[in-house]
Amino acid sequence: MARLREFNEEQALDAAMQLFWEKGYEAASLTDLTSRMGIQRPSIYSAFGDKKQLFESSLRKYTTSHASHMRAKLQRHSSVKEAFRNLFEDLIAEEYKEERPSKGCFCINTMVELAPHDEKFAILTREHQLYLSVIFQETIERGVRSNELSTGMNPKALAQTLVVALIGLTVIMKSRPDRSFADHSVACILSLLS
């Protein structure tokens, strides 16, 4: 008879995700993981596999949650321009509200740390970028249908450009640039929707 797990897998995975998000793959040791997750190494291996598999599960959990959050944020407003304005302005506001250094985006951190030399993580992070592009494109197409946005624009190209802008802004915010630098950048990004 198989032994029942004595821990909540979702809570343990969430704890691992938070640790990997804070430290990255290489800097997060198995000792760090067992301490944060509240379980021993054999339980990690049994439930999640090795460290790399645990990292992959953590990244997948994050990207699923992040995409849902982005979709909900963009659907919250009837105005597409207002939806994107809030998305970008909230990103800036959150960073300046935090007292501790920003963790940034777990997926972007993975793009920088692992994707250049690990094909699996290159694919996973690319998939997330494409999924965000689809969410953005659907939102832009909603704006075109409602006549809020010009019918002459290319929704797919604009969506991809906005994803690139979002990634760039997220990275730059880790260095806490002058607020006017960030605000002017967002104003230029949003002008693409005019």
Protein backbone atom coordinates (compact mmCIF):
# COMPACT_ATOMS: atom_id res chain seq x y z
CA MET A 1 0.00 0.00 0.00
CA ALA A 2 1.38 3.40 -1.01
CA ARG A 3 2.14 5.80 1.79
CA LEU A 4 0.06 8.98 1.88
CA ARG A 5 1.99 12.22 1.55
CA GLU A 6 2.20 14.09 4.81
CA PHE A 7 2.44 17.52 3.21
CA ASN A 8 0.39 19.68 0.88
CA GLU A 9 2.01 19.47 -2.57
CA GLU A 10 0.54 22.76 -3.78
CA GLN A 11 1.83 24.63 -0.74
CA ALA A 12 5.24 23.01 -1.08
CA LEU A 13 5.37 23.86 -4.79
CA ASP A 14 4.34 27.44 -4.05
CA ALA A 15 7.14 27.71 -1.46
CA ALA A 16 9.65 26.35 -4.00
CA MET A 17 8.39 28.79 -6.63
CA GLN A 18 8.87 31.72 -4.25
CA LEU A 19 12.40 30.62 -3.41
CA PHE A 20 13.40 30.07 -7.05
CA TRP A 21 11.83 33.44 -7.89
CA GLU A 22 13.91 35.17 -5.22
CA LYS A 23 17.21 33.36 -5.77
CA GLY A 24 17.12 31.83 -9.24
CA TYR A 25 17.88 28.23 -10.14
CA GLU A 26 21.61 28.07 -9.43
CA ALA A 27 21.59 29.98 -6.13
CA ALA A 28 18.71 27.99 -4.61
CA SER A 29 20.30 25.01 -2.86
CA LEU A 30 18.53 21.80 -1.88
CA THR A 31 19.01 22.85 1.74
CA ASP A 32 17.24 26.15 0.97
CA LEU A 33 14.44 24.22 -0.73
CA THR A 34 13.91 21.71 2.08
CA SER A 35 13.88 24.51 4.61
CA ARG A 36 11.44 26.70 2.67
CA MET A 37 9.19 23.84 1.58
CA GLY A 38 9.16 22.25 5.04
CA ILE A 39 9.91 18.77 3.66
CA GLN A 40 12.94 16.50 3.39
CA ARG A 41 14.91 15.66 0.23
CA PRO A 42 13.35 12.22 -0.29
CA SER A 43 9.90 13.85 -0.27
CA ILE A 44 11.02 16.44 -2.83
CA TYR A 45 12.39 13.73 -5.12
CA SER A 46 9.31 11.55 -4.67
CA ALA A 47 6.79 14.34 -5.32
CA PHE A 48 8.61 16.56 -7.80
CA GLY A 49 11.69 14.78 -9.14
CA ASP A 50 15.11 16.40 -9.15
CA LYS A 51 15.88 20.10 -8.65
CA LYS A 52 15.50 20.88 -12.35
CA GLN A 53 12.10 19.18 -12.53
CA LEU A 54 11.01 21.07 -9.42
CA PHE A 55 12.15 24.30 -11.02
CA GLU A 56 10.22 23.47 -14.19
CA SER A 57 7.06 22.75 -12.17
CA SER A 58 7.55 26.03 -10.31
CA LEU A 59 7.97 27.96 -13.55
CA ARG A 60 4.86 26.35 -15.06
CA LYS A 61 2.87 27.24 -11.93
CA TYR A 62 4.08 30.83 -12.19
CA THR A 63 3.41 31.26 -15.92
CA THR A 64 -0.11 29.83 -15.60
CA SER A 65 -0.90 32.20 -12.74
CA HIS A 66 0.80 35.17 -14.43
CA ALA A 67 -1.12 34.69 -17.70
CA SER A 68 -4.44 34.42 -15.82
CA HIS A 69 -3.60 37.58 -13.89
CA MET A 70 -2.75 39.47 -17.10
CA ARG A 71 -5.95 38.33 -18.82
CA ALA A 72 -8.10 39.33 -15.82
CA LYS A 73 -6.36 42.71 -15.56
CA LEU A 74 -6.99 43.49 -19.23
CA GLN A 75 -10.61 42.32 -19.11
CA ARG A 76 -11.39 44.46 -16.08
CA HIS A 77 -11.89 47.58 -18.23
CA SER A 78 -14.28 48.14 -21.10
CA SER A 79 -11.76 50.58 -22.60
CA VAL A 80 -8.81 48.77 -24.16
CA LYS A 81 -6.60 51.86 -23.88
CA GLU A 82 -7.48 52.19 -20.20
CA ALA A 83 -6.79 48.46 -19.66
CA PHE A 84 -3.27 48.72 -21.09
CA ARG A 85 -2.64 52.03 -19.30
CA ASN A 86 -3.50 50.41 -15.97
CA LEU A 87 -1.40 47.35 -16.76
CA PHE A 88 1.75 49.39 -17.44
CA GLU A 89 1.17 52.08 -14.81
CA ASP A 90 0.44 49.48 -12.12
CA LEU A 91 3.72 47.74 -12.93
CA ILE A 92 5.57 50.98 -12.19
CA ALA A 93 3.51 51.88 -9.13
CA GLU A 94 4.07 48.45 -7.56
CA GLU A 95 7.83 48.72 -7.96
CA TYR A 96 8.03 52.13 -6.29
CA LYS A 97 5.69 51.02 -3.51
CA GLU A 98 7.94 48.12 -2.53
CA GLU A 99 10.66 48.85 0.01
CA ARG A 100 12.76 45.82 -0.83
CA PRO A 101 14.44 45.23 -4.19
CA SER A 102 12.15 43.82 -6.85
CA LYS A 103 12.18 40.12 -7.66
CA GLY A 104 11.07 41.06 -11.16
CA CYS A 105 9.23 38.46 -13.20
CA PHE A 106 10.10 34.82 -12.53
CA CYS A 107 9.75 33.98 -16.23
CA ILE A 108 11.98 36.87 -17.32
CA ASN A 109 14.54 35.92 -14.68
CA THR A 110 14.53 32.40 -16.15
CA MET A 111 14.95 33.81 -19.67
CA VAL A 112 18.12 35.53 -18.50
CA GLU A 113 19.54 32.78 -16.26
CA LEU A 114 18.69 29.52 -18.04
CA ALA A 115 17.19 30.05 -21.50
CA PRO A 116 20.49 30.98 -23.23
CA HIS A 117 21.99 27.56 -22.46
CA ASP A 118 19.02 25.26 -21.77
CA GLU A 119 16.67 24.52 -24.68
CA LYS A 120 13.81 23.36 -22.45
CA PHE A 121 13.70 26.67 -20.58
CA ALA A 122 14.18 28.63 -23.79
CA ILE A 123 11.04 26.92 -25.12
CA LEU A 124 9.05 27.38 -21.88
CA THR A 125 9.84 31.08 -21.64
CA ARG A 126 9.13 31.60 -25.35
CA GLU A 127 5.78 29.85 -24.94
CA HIS A 128 4.86 32.27 -22.17
CA GLN A 129 5.80 35.25 -24.33
CA LEU A 130 3.61 33.89 -27.13
CA TYR A 131 0.73 33.25 -24.75
CA LEU A 132 0.92 36.82 -23.45
CA SER A 133 0.99 38.02 -27.07
CA VAL A 134 -2.25 36.13 -27.72
CA ILE A 135 -3.89 37.70 -24.65
CA PHE A 136 -2.73 41.15 -25.77
CA GLN A 137 -3.86 40.52 -29.35
CA GLU A 138 -7.34 39.45 -28.21
CA THR A 139 -7.58 42.66 -26.19
CA ILE A 140 -6.44 44.81 -29.13
CA GLU A 141 -8.90 43.07 -31.45
CA ARG A 142 -11.66 43.85 -28.94
CA GLY A 143 -10.65 47.51 -29.21
CA VAL A 144 -10.73 47.37 -33.02
CA ARG A 145 -14.21 45.77 -32.98
CA SER A 146 -15.52 48.47 -30.63
CA ASN A 147 -13.94 51.20 -32.83
CA GLU A 148 -11.80 52.39 -29.93
CA LEU A 149 -8.68 51.42 -31.90
CA SER A 150 -7.94 51.99 -35.58
CA THR A 151 -8.94 49.26 -38.00
CA GLY A 152 -5.68 49.95 -39.86
CA MET A 153 -3.44 48.62 -37.10
CA ASN A 154 -1.92 45.14 -37.07
CA PRO A 155 -3.17 43.57 -33.80
CA LYS A 156 -0.64 40.70 -33.82
CA ALA A 157 2.39 42.93 -34.43
CA LEU A 158 1.19 45.49 -31.89
CA ALA A 159 0.55 42.77 -29.30
CA GLN A 160 4.06 41.37 -29.77
CA THR A 161 5.54 44.86 -29.50
CA LEU A 162 3.64 45.48 -26.26
CA VAL A 163 4.92 42.19 -24.82
CA VAL A 164 8.49 43.24 -25.67
CA ALA A 165 7.81 46.61 -24.02
CA LEU A 166 6.38 44.91 -20.93
CA ILE A 167 9.41 42.63 -20.64
CA GLY A 168 11.82 45.54 -21.09
CA LEU A 169 10.00 47.70 -18.56
CA THR A 170 9.92 44.84 -16.05
CA VAL A 171 13.68 44.37 -16.39
CA ILE A 172 14.50 48.09 -16.15
CA MET A 173 12.32 48.45 -13.05
CA LYS A 174 14.64 46.10 -11.15
CA SER A 175 17.18 48.95 -11.11
CA ARG A 176 14.59 51.46 -9.85
CA PRO A 177 15.13 54.17 -12.47
CA ASP A 178 14.04 57.72 -11.84
CA ARG A 179 10.23 57.78 -11.79
CA SER A 180 10.03 60.28 -14.67
CA PHE A 181 12.13 57.90 -16.81
CA ALA A 182 9.61 55.11 -16.23
CA ASP A 183 6.57 57.37 -16.67
CA HIS A 184 7.85 58.81 -19.97
CA SER A 185 8.60 55.30 -21.23
CA VAL A 186 5.07 54.16 -20.45
CA ALA A 187 3.59 57.23 -22.17
CA CYS A 188 5.54 56.34 -25.33
CA ILE A 189 4.52 52.69 -25.12
CA LEU A 190 0.84 53.64 -24.75
CA SER A 191 1.07 56.04 -27.71
CA LEU A 192 1.30 52.91 -29.89
CA LEU A 193 -2.41 52.38 -29.19
CA SER A 194 -3.38 55.79 -30.60
